[in-house]
Amino acid sequence: MVDEIYEEKRGFVRVRIDTLFTFTIRGKDDKAYHGTSQNLSATGLYMTTDEAVELGSEVALVMNPGNEKLPPFVAEGAVVRCIADDTDSNLYHVSISLSETA
């Protein structure tokens, strides 16, 4: 058996973060949707939500930390993946490529 040394290929570390947030889909309507973040990096966000979001959709995200000392995390990005959950037909796994954070 050959010993293989794992080398991280991502340019940024992913941080596991389980936080509720809201998002809007540009051009669809003014409705606020809800999701739960799973992990976050400098360039992307992976979340779960009950809304099937089309690939390429531009979204605006607001994550409130629940702590008055920290400001909300505000970002924009494009949906690069949306996959239905294998066990829950009302749940979707969505990946967003972040283009702007505030």
PDB file of N, CA and C in Angstrom:
ATOM      1  N   MET A   1       0.834  -1.162   0.000  1.00  0.00           N
ATOM      2  CA  MET A   1       0.000   0.000   0.000  1.00  0.00           C
ATOM      3  C   MET A   1       0.888   1.237   0.000  1.00  0.00           C
ATOM      4  N   VAL A   2       0.540   2.190  -0.807  1.00  0.00           N
ATOM      5  CA  VAL A   2       1.319   3.410  -0.938  1.00  0.00           C
ATOM      6  C   VAL A   2       0.778   4.458   0.037  1.00  0.00           C
ATOM      7  N   ASP A   3       1.687   5.083   0.798  1.00  0.00           N
ATOM      8  CA  ASP A   3       1.282   6.192   1.656  1.00  0.00           C
ATOM      9  C   ASP A   3       1.067   7.413   0.794  1.00  0.00           C
ATOM     10  N   GLU A   4      -0.121   7.959   0.877  1.00  0.00           N
ATOM     11  CA  GLU A   4      -0.418   9.176   0.133  1.00  0.00           C
ATOM     12  C   GLU A   4      -0.516  10.328   1.108  1.00  0.00           C
ATOM     13  N   ILE A   5       0.113  11.423   0.772  1.00  0.00           N
ATOM     14  CA  ILE A   5       0.057  12.627   1.597  1.00  0.00           C
ATOM     15  C   ILE A   5      -1.025  13.512   1.021  1.00  0.00           C
ATOM     16  N   TYR A   6      -1.989  13.849   1.870  1.00  0.00           N
ATOM     17  CA  TYR A   6      -3.094  14.699   1.437  1.00  0.00           C
ATOM     18  C   TYR A   6      -2.609  16.127   1.321  1.00  0.00           C
ATOM     19  N   GLU A   7      -2.949  16.760   0.205  1.00  0.00           N
ATOM     20  CA  GLU A   7      -2.616  18.163  -0.002  1.00  0.00           C
ATOM     21  C   GLU A   7      -3.901  18.924  -0.313  1.00  0.00           C
ATOM     22  N   GLU A   8      -4.204  19.925   0.509  1.00  0.00           N
ATOM     23  CA  GLU A   8      -5.407  20.740   0.310  1.00  0.00           C
ATOM     24  C   GLU A   8      -5.290  21.474  -1.010  1.00  0.00           C
ATOM     25  N   LYS A   9      -6.319  21.380  -1.823  1.00  0.00           N
ATOM     26  CA  LYS A   9      -6.286  22.003  -3.140  1.00  0.00           C
ATOM     27  C   LYS A   9      -7.091  23.294  -3.185  1.00  0.00           C
ATOM     28  N   ARG A  10      -7.863  23.559  -2.140  1.00  0.00           N
ATOM     29  CA  ARG A  10      -8.630  24.797  -2.087  1.00  0.00           C
ATOM     30  C   ARG A  10      -7.722  25.957  -1.730  1.00  0.00           C
ATOM     31  N   GLY A  11      -8.048  27.125  -2.302  1.00  0.00           N
ATOM     32  CA  GLY A  11      -7.268  28.317  -2.007  1.00  0.00           C
ATOM     33  C   GLY A  11      -7.634  28.945  -0.675  1.00  0.00           C
ATOM     34  N   PHE A  12      -8.828  28.610  -0.157  1.00  0.00           N
ATOM     35  CA  PHE A  12      -9.300  29.180   1.098  1.00  0.00           C
ATOM     36  C   PHE A  12      -9.880  28.085   1.970  1.00  0.00           C
ATOM     37  N   VAL A  13      -9.722  28.230   3.258  1.00  0.00           N
ATOM     38  CA  VAL A  13     -10.249  27.276   4.218  1.00  0.00           C
ATOM     39  C   VAL A  13     -11.768  27.422   4.308  1.00  0.00           C
ATOM     40  N   ARG A  14     -12.461  26.309   4.425  1.00  0.00           N
ATOM     41  CA  ARG A  14     -13.904  26.325   4.655  1.00  0.00           C
ATOM     42  C   ARG A  14     -14.125  26.277   6.158  1.00  0.00           C
ATOM     43  N   VAL A  15     -15.036  27.126   6.622  1.00  0.00           N
ATOM     44  CA  VAL A  15     -15.374  27.168   8.032  1.00  0.00           C
ATOM     45  C   VAL A  15     -16.777  26.604   8.198  1.00  0.00           C
ATOM     46  N   ARG A  16     -16.911  25.611   9.038  1.00  0.00           N
ATOM     47  CA  ARG A  16     -18.236  25.037   9.307  1.00  0.00           C
ATOM     48  C   ARG A  16     -19.008  26.044  10.142  1.00  0.00           C
ATOM     49  N   ILE A  17     -20.164  26.451   9.643  1.00  0.00           N
ATOM     50  CA  ILE A  17     -20.986  27.433  10.340  1.00  0.00           C
ATOM     51  C   ILE A  17     -22.447  27.068  10.123  1.00  0.00           C
ATOM     52  N   ASP A  18     -23.147  26.830  11.198  1.00  0.00           N
ATOM     53  CA  ASP A  18     -24.542  26.406  11.154  1.00  0.00           C
ATOM     54  C   ASP A  18     -25.392  27.564  11.658  1.00  0.00           C
ATOM     55  N   THR A  19     -25.799  28.450  10.737  1.00  0.00           N
ATOM     56  CA  THR A  19     -26.520  29.664  11.102  1.00  0.00           C
ATOM     57  C   THR A  19     -27.681  29.900  10.149  1.00  0.00           C
ATOM     58  N   LEU A  20     -28.802  30.335  10.693  1.00  0.00           N
ATOM     59  CA  LEU A  20     -29.949  30.698   9.872  1.00  0.00           C
ATOM     60  C   LEU A  20     -29.696  32.038   9.187  1.00  0.00           C
ATOM     61  N   PHE A  21     -30.218  32.194   7.981  1.00  0.00           N
ATOM     62  CA  PHE A  21     -30.085  33.457   7.271  1.00  0.00           C
ATOM     63  C   PHE A  21     -31.224  33.610   6.282  1.00  0.00           C
ATOM     64  N   THR A  22     -31.335  34.801   5.716  1.00  0.00           N
ATOM     65  CA  THR A  22     -32.340  35.060   4.688  1.00  0.00           C
ATOM     66  C   THR A  22     -31.637  35.373   3.380  1.00  0.00           C
ATOM     67  N   PHE A  23     -32.334  35.120   2.285  1.00  0.00           N
ATOM     68  CA  PHE A  23     -31.779  35.475   0.982  1.00  0.00           C
ATOM     69  C   PHE A  23     -32.907  35.855   0.042  1.00  0.00           C
ATOM     70  N   THR A  24     -32.575  36.684  -0.920  1.00  0.00           N
ATOM     71  CA  THR A  24     -33.510  37.047  -1.979  1.00  0.00           C
ATOM     72  C   THR A  24     -32.899  36.640  -3.308  1.00  0.00           C
ATOM     73  N   ILE A  25     -33.767  36.374  -4.283  1.00  0.00           N
ATOM     74  CA  ILE A  25     -33.320  35.973  -5.610  1.00  0.00           C
ATOM     75  C   ILE A  25     -33.597  37.136  -6.546  1.00  0.00           C
ATOM     76  N   ARG A  26     -32.562  37.693  -7.118  1.00  0.00           N
ATOM     77  CA  ARG A  26     -32.709  38.864  -7.980  1.00  0.00           C
ATOM     78  C   ARG A  26     -33.561  38.531  -9.200  1.00  0.00           C
ATOM     79  N   GLY A  27     -34.511  39.434  -9.505  1.00  0.00           N
ATOM     80  CA  GLY A  27     -35.353  39.276 -10.670  1.00  0.00           C
ATOM     81  C   GLY A  27     -36.523  38.328 -10.499  1.00  0.00           C
ATOM     82  N   LYS A  28     -36.610  37.634  -9.367  1.00  0.00           N
ATOM     83  CA  LYS A  28     -37.712  36.690  -9.177  1.00  0.00           C
ATOM     84  C   LYS A  28     -38.888  37.371  -8.491  1.00  0.00           C
ATOM     85  N   ASP A  29     -38.660  37.931  -7.353  1.00  0.00           N
ATOM     86  CA  ASP A  29     -39.676  38.656  -6.589  1.00  0.00           C
ATOM     87  C   ASP A  29     -38.977  39.292  -5.390  1.00  0.00           C
ATOM     88  N   ASP A  30     -39.730  39.938  -4.555  1.00  0.00           N
ATOM     89  CA  ASP A  30     -39.142  40.571  -3.373  1.00  0.00           C
ATOM     90  C   ASP A  30     -39.235  39.679  -2.144  1.00  0.00           C
ATOM     91  N   LYS A  31     -39.608  38.438  -2.335  1.00  0.00           N
ATOM     92  CA  LYS A  31     -39.790  37.523  -1.218  1.00  0.00           C
ATOM     93  C   LYS A  31     -38.454  37.159  -0.579  1.00  0.00           C
ATOM     94  N   ALA A  32     -38.446  37.109   0.751  1.00  0.00           N
ATOM     95  CA  ALA A  32     -37.256  36.662   1.475  1.00  0.00           C
ATOM     96  C   ALA A  32     -37.394  35.168   1.748  1.00  0.00           C
ATOM     97  N   TYR A  33     -36.389  34.413   1.361  1.00  0.00           N
ATOM     98  CA  TYR A  33     -36.344  32.972   1.597  1.00  0.00           C
ATOM     99  C   TYR A  33     -35.409  32.715   2.767  1.00  0.00           C
ATOM    100  N   HIS A  34     -35.500  31.522   3.338  1.00  0.00           N
ATOM    101  CA  HIS A  34     -34.671  31.195   4.496  1.00  0.00           C
ATOM    102  C   HIS A  34     -33.816  29.971   4.200  1.00  0.00           C
ATOM    103  N   GLY A  35     -32.642  29.965   4.794  1.00  0.00           N
ATOM    104  CA  GLY A  35     -31.745  28.842   4.640  1.00  0.00           C
ATOM    105  C   GLY A  35     -30.889  28.679   5.877  1.00  0.00           C
ATOM    106  N   THR A  36     -30.119  27.605   5.890  1.00  0.00           N
ATOM    107  CA  THR A  36     -29.169  27.349   6.970  1.00  0.00           C
ATOM    108  C   THR A  36     -27.807  27.139   6.335  1.00  0.00           C
ATOM    109  N   SER A  37     -26.854  27.950   6.748  1.00  0.00           N
ATOM    110  CA  SER A  37     -25.513  27.792   6.192  1.00  0.00           C
ATOM    111  C   SER A  37     -24.888  26.526   6.766  1.00  0.00           C
ATOM    112  N   GLN A  38     -24.092  25.867   5.949  1.00  0.00           N
ATOM    113  CA  GLN A  38     -23.379  24.665   6.368  1.00  0.00           C
ATOM    114  C   GLN A  38     -21.881  24.946   6.481  1.00  0.00           C
ATOM    115  N   ASN A  39     -21.349  25.653   5.472  1.00  0.00           N
ATOM    116  CA  ASN A  39     -19.963  26.099   5.567  1.00  0.00           C
ATOM    117  C   ASN A  39     -19.757  27.334   4.702  1.00  0.00           C
ATOM    118  N   LEU A  40     -18.700  28.062   5.025  1.00  0.00           N
ATOM    119  CA  LEU A  40     -18.417  29.342   4.401  1.00  0.00           C
ATOM    120  C   LEU A  40     -16.924  29.457   4.164  1.00  0.00           C
ATOM    121  N   SER A  41     -16.554  30.001   3.019  1.00  0.00           N
ATOM    122  CA  SER A  41     -15.147  30.299   2.743  1.00  0.00           C
ATOM    123  C   SER A  41     -15.080  31.720   2.203  1.00  0.00           C
ATOM    124  N   ALA A  42     -13.908  32.158   1.853  1.00  0.00           N
ATOM    125  CA  ALA A  42     -13.741  33.515   1.324  1.00  0.00           C
ATOM    126  C   ALA A  42     -14.431  33.686  -0.025  1.00  0.00           C
ATOM    127  N   THR A  43     -14.691  32.589  -0.729  1.00  0.00           N
ATOM    128  CA  THR A  43     -15.268  32.696  -2.069  1.00  0.00           C
ATOM    129  C   THR A  43     -16.589  31.963  -2.252  1.00  0.00           C
ATOM    130  N   GLY A  44     -17.081  31.280  -1.216  1.00  0.00           N
ATOM    131  CA  GLY A  44     -18.300  30.524  -1.414  1.00  0.00           C
ATOM    132  C   GLY A  44     -19.052  30.207  -0.142  1.00  0.00           C
ATOM    133  N   LEU A  45     -20.303  29.821  -0.328  1.00  0.00           N
ATOM    134  CA  LEU A  45     -21.194  29.443   0.761  1.00  0.00           C
ATOM    135  C   LEU A  45     -21.957  28.199   0.340  1.00  0.00           C
ATOM    136  N   TYR A  46     -22.053  27.234   1.247  1.00  0.00           N
ATOM    137  CA  TYR A  46     -22.873  26.048   1.030  1.00  0.00           C
ATOM    138  C   TYR A  46     -24.000  26.106   2.046  1.00  0.00           C
ATOM    139  N   MET A  47     -25.251  25.984   1.569  1.00  0.00           N
ATOM    140  CA  MET A  47     -26.403  26.085   2.450  1.00  0.00           C
ATOM    141  C   MET A  47     -27.431  25.023   2.119  1.00  0.00           C
ATOM    142  N   THR A  48     -28.370  24.848   3.046  1.00  0.00           N
ATOM    143  CA  THR A  48     -29.552  24.044   2.788  1.00  0.00           C
ATOM    144  C   THR A  48     -30.762  24.957   2.911  1.00  0.00           C
ATOM    145  N   THR A  49     -31.776  24.692   2.091  1.00  0.00           N
ATOM    146  CA  THR A  49     -32.976  25.513   2.064  1.00  0.00           C
ATOM    147  C   THR A  49     -34.138  24.699   1.512  1.00  0.00           C
ATOM    148  N   ASP A  50     -35.359  25.182   1.735  1.00  0.00           N
ATOM    149  CA  ASP A  50     -36.514  24.485   1.170  1.00  0.00           C
ATOM    150  C   ASP A  50     -36.929  25.067  -0.181  1.00  0.00           C
ATOM    151  N   GLU A  51     -36.104  25.957  -0.724  1.00  0.00           N
ATOM    152  CA  GLU A  51     -36.378  26.597  -2.018  1.00  0.00           C
ATOM    153  C   GLU A  51     -35.419  26.067  -3.083  1.00  0.00           C
ATOM    154  N   ALA A  52     -35.956  25.528  -4.173  1.00  0.00           N
ATOM    155  CA  ALA A  52     -35.121  25.112  -5.304  1.00  0.00           C
ATOM    156  C   ALA A  52     -34.719  26.372  -6.061  1.00  0.00           C
ATOM    157  N   VAL A  53     -33.427  26.655  -6.102  1.00  0.00           N
ATOM    158  CA  VAL A  53     -32.927  27.872  -6.728  1.00  0.00           C
ATOM    159  C   VAL A  53     -32.250  27.499  -8.045  1.00  0.00           C
ATOM    160  N   GLU A  54     -32.613  28.190  -9.120  1.00  0.00           N
ATOM    161  CA  GLU A  54     -32.062  27.871 -10.440  1.00  0.00           C
ATOM    162  C   GLU A  54     -30.574  28.191 -10.520  1.00  0.00           C
ATOM    163  N   LEU A  55     -29.843  27.354 -11.253  1.00  0.00           N
ATOM    164  CA  LEU A  55     -28.424  27.608 -11.484  1.00  0.00           C
ATOM    165  C   LEU A  55     -28.246  28.959 -12.157  1.00  0.00           C
ATOM    166  N   GLY A  56     -27.252  29.702 -11.723  1.00  0.00           N
ATOM    167  CA  GLY A  56     -26.969  31.006 -12.295  1.00  0.00           C
ATOM    168  C   GLY A  56     -27.737  32.146 -11.651  1.00  0.00           C
ATOM    169  N   SER A  57     -28.722  31.831 -10.805  1.00  0.00           N
ATOM    170  CA  SER A  57     -29.488  32.885 -10.136  1.00  0.00           C
ATOM    171  C   SER A  57     -28.574  33.742  -9.265  1.00  0.00           C
ATOM    172  N   GLU A  58     -28.797  35.041  -9.323  1.00  0.00           N
ATOM    173  CA  GLU A  58     -28.063  35.974  -8.459  1.00  0.00           C
ATOM    174  C   GLU A  58     -28.840  36.111  -7.161  1.00  0.00           C
ATOM    175  N   VAL A  59     -28.155  35.946  -6.049  1.00  0.00           N
ATOM    176  CA  VAL A  59     -28.807  36.022  -4.744  1.00  0.00           C
ATOM    177  C   VAL A  59     -28.112  37.044  -3.852  1.00  0.00           C
ATOM    178  N   ALA A  60     -28.887  37.628  -2.945  1.00  0.00           N
ATOM    179  CA  ALA A  60     -28.366  38.517  -1.912  1.00  0.00           C
ATOM    180  C   ALA A  60     -28.640  37.836  -0.576  1.00  0.00           C
ATOM    181  N   LEU A  61     -27.613  37.737   0.263  1.00  0.00           N
ATOM    182  CA  LEU A  61     -27.685  37.007   1.526  1.00  0.00           C
ATOM    183  C   LEU A  61     -27.488  37.935   2.716  1.00  0.00           C
ATOM    184  N   VAL A  62     -28.216  37.668   3.797  1.00  0.00           N
ATOM    185  CA  VAL A  62     -28.010  38.378   5.056  1.00  0.00           C
ATOM    186  C   VAL A  62     -28.027  37.354   6.174  1.00  0.00           C
ATOM    187  N   MET A  63     -26.910  37.278   6.899  1.00  0.00           N
ATOM    188  CA  MET A  63     -26.776  36.348   8.006  1.00  0.00           C
ATOM    189  C   MET A  63     -26.605  37.159   9.291  1.00  0.00           C
ATOM    190  N   ASN A  64     -27.574  37.072  10.182  1.00  0.00           N
ATOM    191  CA  ASN A  64     -27.491  37.774  11.457  1.00  0.00           C
ATOM    192  C   ASN A  64     -26.853  36.852  12.483  1.00  0.00           C
ATOM    193  N   PRO A  65     -25.762  37.283  13.105  1.00  0.00           N
ATOM    194  CA  PRO A  65     -25.046  36.411  14.030  1.00  0.00           C
ATOM    195  C   PRO A  65     -25.768  36.160  15.348  1.00  0.00           C
ATOM    196  N   GLY A  66     -26.829  36.916  15.640  1.00  0.00           N
ATOM    197  CA  GLY A  66     -27.540  36.730  16.894  1.00  0.00           C
ATOM    198  C   GLY A  66     -26.802  37.316  18.079  1.00  0.00           C
ATOM    199  N   ASN A  67     -25.829  38.153  17.783  1.00  0.00           N
ATOM    200  CA  ASN A  67     -25.031  38.792  18.817  1.00  0.00           C
ATOM    201  C   ASN A  67     -24.970  40.279  18.479  1.00  0.00           C
ATOM    202  N   GLU A  68     -25.419  41.110  19.373  1.00  0.00           N
ATOM    203  CA  GLU A  68     -25.470  42.549  19.103  1.00  0.00           C
ATOM    204  C   GLU A  68     -24.098  43.170  18.866  1.00  0.00           C
ATOM    205  N   LYS A  69     -23.053  42.504  19.289  1.00  0.00           N
ATOM    206  CA  LYS A  69     -21.696  43.039  19.136  1.00  0.00           C
ATOM    207  C   LYS A  69     -21.140  42.831  17.729  1.00  0.00           C
ATOM    208  N   LEU A  70     -21.729  41.888  16.995  1.00  0.00           N
ATOM    209  CA  LEU A  70     -21.250  41.590  15.649  1.00  0.00           C
ATOM    210  C   LEU A  70     -22.248  42.086  14.615  1.00  0.00           C
ATOM    211  N   PRO A  71     -21.763  42.716  13.551  1.00  0.00           N
ATOM    212  CA  PRO A  71     -22.680  43.153  12.496  1.00  0.00           C
ATOM    213  C   PRO A  71     -23.133  41.959  11.660  1.00  0.00           C
ATOM    214  N   PRO A  72     -24.239  42.092  10.932  1.00  0.00           N
ATOM    215  CA  PRO A  72     -24.679  40.994  10.062  1.00  0.00           C
ATOM    216  C   PRO A  72     -23.687  40.777   8.917  1.00  0.00           C
ATOM    217  N   PHE A  73     -23.620  39.560   8.445  1.00  0.00           N
ATOM    218  CA  PHE A  73     -22.814  39.218   7.271  1.00  0.00           C
ATOM    219  C   PHE A  73     -23.713  39.415   6.060  1.00  0.00           C
ATOM    220  N   VAL A  74     -23.311  40.288   5.160  1.00  0.00           N
ATOM    221  CA  VAL A  74     -24.091  40.603   3.960  1.00  0.00           C
ATOM    222  C   VAL A  74     -23.243  40.246   2.744  1.00  0.00           C
ATOM    223  N   ALA A  75     -23.824  39.497   1.802  1.00  0.00           N
ATOM    224  CA  ALA A  75     -23.060  39.074   0.629  1.00  0.00           C
ATOM    225  C   ALA A  75     -23.981  38.904  -0.573  1.00  0.00           C
ATOM    226  N   GLU A  76     -23.353  38.857  -1.748  1.00  0.00           N
ATOM    227  CA  GLU A  76     -24.044  38.575  -2.999  1.00  0.00           C
ATOM    228  C   GLU A  76     -23.275  37.498  -3.735  1.00  0.00           C
ATOM    229  N   GLY A  77     -23.985  36.750  -4.561  1.00  0.00           N
ATOM    230  CA  GLY A  77     -23.307  35.720  -5.323  1.00  0.00           C
ATOM    231  C   GLY A  77     -24.228  35.051  -6.323  1.00  0.00           C
ATOM    232  N   ALA A  78     -23.689  34.036  -6.983  1.00  0.00           N
ATOM    233  CA  ALA A  78     -24.432  33.287  -8.002  1.00  0.00           C
ATOM    234  C   ALA A  78     -24.505  31.821  -7.602  1.00  0.00           C
ATOM    235  N   VAL A  79     -25.646  31.210  -7.850  1.00  0.00           N
ATOM    236  CA  VAL A  79     -25.858  29.798  -7.535  1.00  0.00           C
ATOM    237  C   VAL A  79     -25.100  28.948  -8.558  1.00  0.00           C
ATOM    238  N   VAL A  80     -24.231  28.077  -8.058  1.00  0.00           N
ATOM    239  CA  VAL A  80     -23.455  27.201  -8.937  1.00  0.00           C
ATOM    240  C   VAL A  80     -23.864  25.729  -8.811  1.00  0.00           C
ATOM    241  N   ARG A  81     -24.689  25.427  -7.785  1.00  0.00           N
ATOM    242  CA  ARG A  81     -25.164  24.057  -7.607  1.00  0.00           C
ATOM    243  C   ARG A  81     -26.443  24.089  -6.785  1.00  0.00           C
ATOM    244  N   CYS A  82     -27.414  23.271  -7.180  1.00  0.00           N
ATOM    245  CA  CYS A  82     -28.649  23.092  -6.413  1.00  0.00           C
ATOM    246  C   CYS A  82     -29.089  21.652  -6.609  1.00  0.00           C
ATOM    247  N   ILE A  83     -28.991  20.863  -5.545  1.00  0.00           N
ATOM    248  CA  ILE A  83     -29.285  19.439  -5.620  1.00  0.00           C
ATOM    249  C   ILE A  83     -30.332  19.095  -4.570  1.00  0.00           C
ATOM    250  N   ALA A  84     -31.364  18.353  -4.968  1.00  0.00           N
ATOM    251  CA  ALA A  84     -32.379  17.888  -4.026  1.00  0.00           C
ATOM    252  C   ALA A  84     -31.763  16.889  -3.058  1.00  0.00           C
ATOM    253  N   ASP A  85     -32.193  16.938  -1.817  1.00  0.00           N
ATOM    254  CA  ASP A  85     -31.715  16.011  -0.795  1.00  0.00           C
ATOM    255  C   ASP A  85     -32.219  14.599  -1.095  1.00  0.00           C
ATOM    256  N   ASP A  86     -31.407  13.601  -0.798  1.00  0.00           N
ATOM    257  CA  ASP A  86     -31.770  12.201  -1.065  1.00  0.00           C
ATOM    258  C   ASP A  86     -32.896  11.696  -0.174  1.00  0.00           C
ATOM    259  N   THR A  87     -32.995  12.228   1.047  1.00  0.00           N
ATOM    260  CA  THR A  87     -33.962  11.694   2.002  1.00  0.00           C
ATOM    261  C   THR A  87     -35.117  12.637   2.312  1.00  0.00           C
ATOM    262  N   ASP A  88     -34.978  13.922   2.005  1.00  0.00           N
ATOM    263  CA  ASP A  88     -36.024  14.910   2.303  1.00  0.00           C
ATOM    264  C   ASP A  88     -36.349  15.667   1.016  1.00  0.00           C
ATOM    265  N   SER A  89     -37.519  15.400   0.446  1.00  0.00           N
ATOM    266  CA  SER A  89     -37.887  16.005  -0.843  1.00  0.00           C
ATOM    267  C   SER A  89     -38.134  17.512  -0.752  1.00  0.00           C
ATOM    268  N   ASN A  90     -38.206  18.058   0.456  1.00  0.00           N
ATOM    269  CA  ASN A  90     -38.416  19.497   0.643  1.00  0.00           C
ATOM    270  C   ASN A  90     -37.127  20.240   0.974  1.00  0.00           C
ATOM    271  N   LEU A  91     -35.978  19.575   0.825  1.00  0.00           N
ATOM    272  CA  LEU A  91     -34.698  20.180   1.180  1.00  0.00           C
ATOM    273  C   LEU A  91     -33.762  20.185  -0.027  1.00  0.00           C
ATOM    274  N   TYR A  92     -33.055  21.298  -0.218  1.00  0.00           N
ATOM    275  CA  TYR A  92     -32.110  21.435  -1.323  1.00  0.00           C
ATOM    276  C   TYR A  92     -30.749  21.853  -0.782  1.00  0.00           C
ATOM    277  N   HIS A  93     -29.701  21.329  -1.408  1.00  0.00           N
ATOM    278  CA  HIS A  93     -28.321  21.683  -1.069  1.00  0.00           C
ATOM    279  C   HIS A  93     -27.859  22.662  -2.139  1.00  0.00           C
ATOM    280  N   VAL A  94     -27.514  23.871  -1.725  1.00  0.00           N
ATOM    281  CA  VAL A  94     -27.207  24.946  -2.663  1.00  0.00           C
ATOM    282  C   VAL A  94     -25.806  25.485  -2.395  1.00  0.00           C
ATOM    283  N   SER A  95     -25.013  25.616  -3.443  1.00  0.00           N
ATOM    284  CA  SER A  95     -23.688  26.224  -3.354  1.00  0.00           C
ATOM    285  C   SER A  95     -23.712  27.552  -4.086  1.00  0.00           C
ATOM    286  N   ILE A  96     -23.123  28.555  -3.457  1.00  0.00           N
ATOM    287  CA  ILE A  96     -23.111  29.907  -4.014  1.00  0.00           C
ATOM    288  C   ILE A  96     -21.685  30.394  -4.126  1.00  0.00           C
ATOM    289  N   SER A  97     -21.340  30.888  -5.298  1.00  0.00           N
ATOM    290  CA  SER A  97     -20.040  31.521  -5.512  1.00  0.00           C
ATOM    291  C   SER A  97     -20.213  32.997  -5.150  1.00  0.00           C
ATOM    292  N   LEU A  98     -19.520  33.429  -4.094  1.00  0.00           N
ATOM    293  CA  LEU A  98     -19.673  34.812  -3.636  1.00  0.00           C
ATOM    294  C   LEU A  98     -18.932  35.780  -4.532  1.00  0.00           C
ATOM    295  N   SER A  99     -19.611  36.880  -4.880  1.00  0.00           N
ATOM    296  CA  SER A  99     -18.985  37.894  -5.717  1.00  0.00           C
ATOM    297  C   SER A  99     -18.706  39.172  -4.937  1.00  0.00           C
ATOM    298  N   GLU A 100     -19.454  39.357  -3.851  1.00  0.00           N
ATOM    299  CA  GLU A 100     -19.278  40.579  -3.070  1.00  0.00           C
ATOM    300  C   GLU A 100     -19.718  40.330  -1.642  1.00  0.00           C
ATOM    301  N   THR A 101     -18.927  40.811  -0.690  1.00  0.00           N
ATOM    302  CA  THR A 101     -19.308  40.751   0.714  1.00  0.00           C
ATOM    303  C   THR A 101     -19.152  42.127   1.311  1.00  0.00           C
ATOM    304  N   ALA A 102     -19.963  42.419   2.301  1.00  0.00           N
ATOM    305  CA  ALA A 102     -19.900  43.730   2.966  1.00  0.00           C
ATOM    306  C   ALA A 102     -19.641  43.550   4.429  1.00  0.00           C
TER     307      ALA A 102
END
